[in-house]
Amino acid sequence: IMFRFVCVSDVYEPIDDGLESQVFISKTYDPTSHFETTCTDVLDIFKRGTTQEFDFTKITHLSLEDNE
C-alpha cells in the first residue's frame, strides 16, 4: 500500500422529530452507494411534515417529445 486514507467523520441527527417545532432536519448524509439512507431520510422527513406517505404513483415521466 503506497497511500492509505482513513477518515472518521461525525454523524449528526436531530434531537427531536420536528412535529412540535415544525422544523424538520435531515440526518448527516453518509457515503452509502446510491444514496439509500439519504432517500429513506428524505421520505421520513416528508412523512413527518405532511403526515402522509409519499405517493410515487403521482410521479409522471415526461419524454423529450412532450416538450414540443
N, C-alpha and C. Protein backbone atom coordinates (compact mmCIF):
# COMPACT_ATOMS: atom_id res chain seq x y z
N ILE A 1 0.85 -1.18 0.00
CA ILE A 1 0.00 0.00 0.00
C ILE A 1 0.89 1.23 0.00
N MET A 2 0.71 2.08 -1.01
CA MET A 2 1.50 3.31 -1.08
C MET A 2 0.84 4.43 -0.29
N PHE A 3 -0.47 4.54 -0.39
CA PHE A 3 -1.20 5.57 0.33
C PHE A 3 -2.43 4.94 0.96
N ARG A 4 -2.71 5.35 2.14
CA ARG A 4 -3.91 4.85 2.80
C ARG A 4 -4.58 6.04 3.48
N PHE A 5 -5.84 6.24 3.14
CA PHE A 5 -6.60 7.34 3.72
C PHE A 5 -7.68 6.75 4.62
N VAL A 6 -7.65 7.11 5.84
CA VAL A 6 -8.67 6.68 6.79
C VAL A 6 -9.25 7.94 7.40
N CYS A 7 -10.53 8.03 7.33
CA CYS A 7 -11.18 9.23 7.84
C CYS A 7 -12.38 8.82 8.69
N VAL A 8 -12.48 9.37 9.84
CA VAL A 8 -13.63 9.14 10.70
C VAL A 8 -14.38 10.46 10.79
N SER A 9 -15.65 10.43 10.40
CA SER A 9 -16.46 11.65 10.43
C SER A 9 -17.60 11.48 11.42
N ASP A 10 -17.93 12.55 12.08
CA ASP A 10 -19.07 12.52 12.99
C ASP A 10 -20.36 12.40 12.18
N VAL A 11 -21.33 11.73 12.75
CA VAL A 11 -22.65 11.63 12.15
C VAL A 11 -23.62 12.34 13.08
N TYR A 12 -24.38 13.26 12.54
CA TYR A 12 -25.31 14.04 13.33
C TYR A 12 -26.74 13.69 12.94
N GLU A 13 -27.63 13.78 13.90
CA GLU A 13 -29.05 13.63 13.61
C GLU A 13 -29.82 14.52 14.57
N PRO A 14 -31.01 14.93 14.18
CA PRO A 14 -31.77 15.85 15.03
C PRO A 14 -32.15 15.21 16.36
N ILE A 15 -32.31 16.05 17.39
CA ILE A 15 -32.65 15.52 18.70
C ILE A 15 -34.15 15.36 18.89
N ASP A 16 -34.95 15.96 18.01
CA ASP A 16 -36.40 15.74 18.08
C ASP A 16 -36.92 15.48 16.67
N ASP A 17 -38.17 15.03 16.57
CA ASP A 17 -38.73 14.66 15.26
C ASP A 17 -39.32 15.85 14.50
N GLY A 18 -39.40 17.02 15.11
CA GLY A 18 -39.88 18.22 14.44
C GLY A 18 -41.37 18.39 14.45
N LEU A 19 -42.10 17.44 14.99
CA LEU A 19 -43.57 17.54 14.96
C LEU A 19 -44.08 18.73 15.78
N GLU A 20 -43.44 19.01 16.89
CA GLU A 20 -43.88 20.14 17.71
C GLU A 20 -43.34 21.46 17.19
N SER A 21 -42.06 21.50 16.85
CA SER A 21 -41.42 22.74 16.41
C SER A 21 -41.67 23.05 14.94
N GLN A 22 -42.09 22.04 14.17
CA GLN A 22 -42.28 22.17 12.72
C GLN A 22 -40.98 22.50 12.00
N VAL A 23 -39.86 22.11 12.59
CA VAL A 23 -38.55 22.25 11.98
C VAL A 23 -38.04 20.84 11.72
N PHE A 24 -37.94 20.47 10.47
CA PHE A 24 -37.57 19.11 10.08
C PHE A 24 -36.15 19.12 9.54
N ILE A 25 -35.27 18.43 10.23
CA ILE A 25 -33.85 18.44 9.91
C ILE A 25 -33.43 17.04 9.50
N SER A 26 -32.65 16.94 8.45
CA SER A 26 -32.17 15.64 8.00
C SER A 26 -30.98 15.20 8.83
N LYS A 27 -30.70 13.92 8.74
CA LYS A 27 -29.51 13.37 9.39
C LYS A 27 -28.30 13.69 8.52
N THR A 28 -27.12 13.49 9.08
CA THR A 28 -25.90 13.66 8.30
C THR A 28 -25.89 12.64 7.17
N TYR A 29 -25.56 13.07 5.99
CA TYR A 29 -25.50 12.15 4.86
C TYR A 29 -24.28 11.26 4.98
N ASP A 30 -24.46 10.01 4.66
CA ASP A 30 -23.34 9.07 4.77
C ASP A 30 -22.94 8.60 3.38
N PRO A 31 -21.83 7.88 3.28
CA PRO A 31 -21.29 7.52 1.96
C PRO A 31 -21.88 6.25 1.34
N THR A 32 -23.10 5.86 1.68
CA THR A 32 -23.67 4.66 1.06
C THR A 32 -23.86 4.89 -0.43
N SER A 33 -23.74 3.84 -1.18
CA SER A 33 -23.89 3.98 -2.62
C SER A 33 -25.37 4.16 -2.97
N HIS A 34 -25.62 4.90 -3.98
CA HIS A 34 -26.97 5.17 -4.49
C HIS A 34 -27.84 5.91 -3.48
N PHE A 35 -27.26 6.50 -2.46
CA PHE A 35 -27.97 7.35 -1.51
C PHE A 35 -29.15 6.65 -0.83
N GLU A 36 -29.01 5.35 -0.51
CA GLU A 36 -30.11 4.61 0.09
C GLU A 36 -30.60 5.26 1.37
N THR A 37 -29.70 5.53 2.30
CA THR A 37 -30.12 6.09 3.58
C THR A 37 -30.60 7.52 3.44
N THR A 38 -30.04 8.28 2.50
CA THR A 38 -30.48 9.65 2.28
C THR A 38 -31.91 9.67 1.77
N CYS A 39 -32.23 8.80 0.83
CA CYS A 39 -33.60 8.73 0.30
C CYS A 39 -34.58 8.33 1.39
N THR A 40 -34.19 7.38 2.22
CA THR A 40 -35.04 6.96 3.33
C THR A 40 -35.27 8.12 4.29
N ASP A 41 -34.24 8.89 4.55
CA ASP A 41 -34.35 10.04 5.45
C ASP A 41 -35.26 11.10 4.86
N VAL A 42 -35.13 11.38 3.58
CA VAL A 42 -35.99 12.39 2.93
C VAL A 42 -37.45 11.94 2.95
N LEU A 43 -37.70 10.66 2.71
CA LEU A 43 -39.08 10.16 2.78
C LEU A 43 -39.62 10.26 4.20
N ASP A 44 -38.77 10.03 5.19
CA ASP A 44 -39.19 10.17 6.59
C ASP A 44 -39.52 11.62 6.92
N ILE A 45 -38.71 12.56 6.44
CA ILE A 45 -38.99 13.98 6.66
C ILE A 45 -40.32 14.36 6.00
N PHE A 46 -40.57 13.86 4.80
CA PHE A 46 -41.83 14.15 4.11
C PHE A 46 -43.01 13.64 4.92
N LYS A 47 -42.90 12.42 5.44
CA LYS A 47 -43.99 11.84 6.22
C LYS A 47 -44.24 12.62 7.50
N ARG A 48 -43.17 13.02 8.19
CA ARG A 48 -43.35 13.79 9.41
C ARG A 48 -43.92 15.17 9.13
N GLY A 49 -43.55 15.77 8.00
CA GLY A 49 -44.02 17.11 7.67
C GLY A 49 -45.44 17.15 7.13
N THR A 50 -45.86 16.10 6.45
CA THR A 50 -47.19 16.09 5.84
C THR A 50 -48.14 15.09 6.48
N THR A 51 -47.64 14.25 7.35
CA THR A 51 -48.38 13.14 7.98
C THR A 51 -48.90 12.13 6.96
N GLN A 52 -48.32 12.10 5.79
CA GLN A 52 -48.72 11.15 4.75
C GLN A 52 -47.47 10.52 4.14
N GLU A 53 -47.62 9.29 3.67
CA GLU A 53 -46.55 8.65 2.92
C GLU A 53 -46.44 9.32 1.55
N PHE A 54 -45.25 9.37 0.99
CA PHE A 54 -45.07 9.92 -0.35
C PHE A 54 -45.67 8.95 -1.36
N ASP A 55 -46.49 9.46 -2.26
CA ASP A 55 -47.17 8.62 -3.25
C ASP A 55 -46.41 8.68 -4.57
N PHE A 56 -45.62 7.64 -4.82
CA PHE A 56 -44.82 7.59 -6.04
C PHE A 56 -45.67 7.41 -7.30
N THR A 57 -46.92 7.01 -7.16
CA THR A 57 -47.78 6.83 -8.34
C THR A 57 -48.16 8.16 -8.97
N LYS A 58 -47.99 9.26 -8.24
CA LYS A 58 -48.33 10.58 -8.77
C LYS A 58 -47.22 11.17 -9.63
N ILE A 59 -46.08 10.50 -9.68
CA ILE A 59 -44.95 10.99 -10.46
C ILE A 59 -45.12 10.53 -11.91
N THR A 60 -45.01 11.47 -12.80
CA THR A 60 -45.09 11.13 -14.23
C THR A 60 -43.76 11.42 -14.89
N HIS A 61 -43.50 10.71 -15.95
CA HIS A 61 -42.25 10.87 -16.68
C HIS A 61 -42.55 11.58 -18.00
N LEU A 62 -41.86 12.67 -18.23
CA LEU A 62 -42.01 13.39 -19.49
C LEU A 62 -40.88 13.00 -20.42
N SER A 63 -41.21 12.70 -21.63
CA SER A 63 -40.17 12.38 -22.61
C SER A 63 -39.79 13.65 -23.37
N LEU A 64 -38.76 13.59 -24.12
CA LEU A 64 -38.32 14.76 -24.90
C LEU A 64 -39.37 15.18 -25.92
N GLU A 65 -40.16 14.23 -26.40
CA GLU A 65 -41.19 14.55 -27.38
C GLU A 65 -42.32 15.38 -26.75
N ASP A 66 -42.50 15.28 -25.45
CA ASP A 66 -43.57 16.03 -24.77
C ASP A 66 -43.28 17.52 -24.70
N ASN A 67 -42.04 17.92 -24.90
CA ASN A 67 -41.68 19.35 -24.82
C ASN A 67 -41.95 20.09 -26.12
N GLU A 68 -42.32 19.41 -27.16
CA GLU A 68 -42.53 20.07 -28.46
C GLU A 68 -43.88 20.75 -28.52
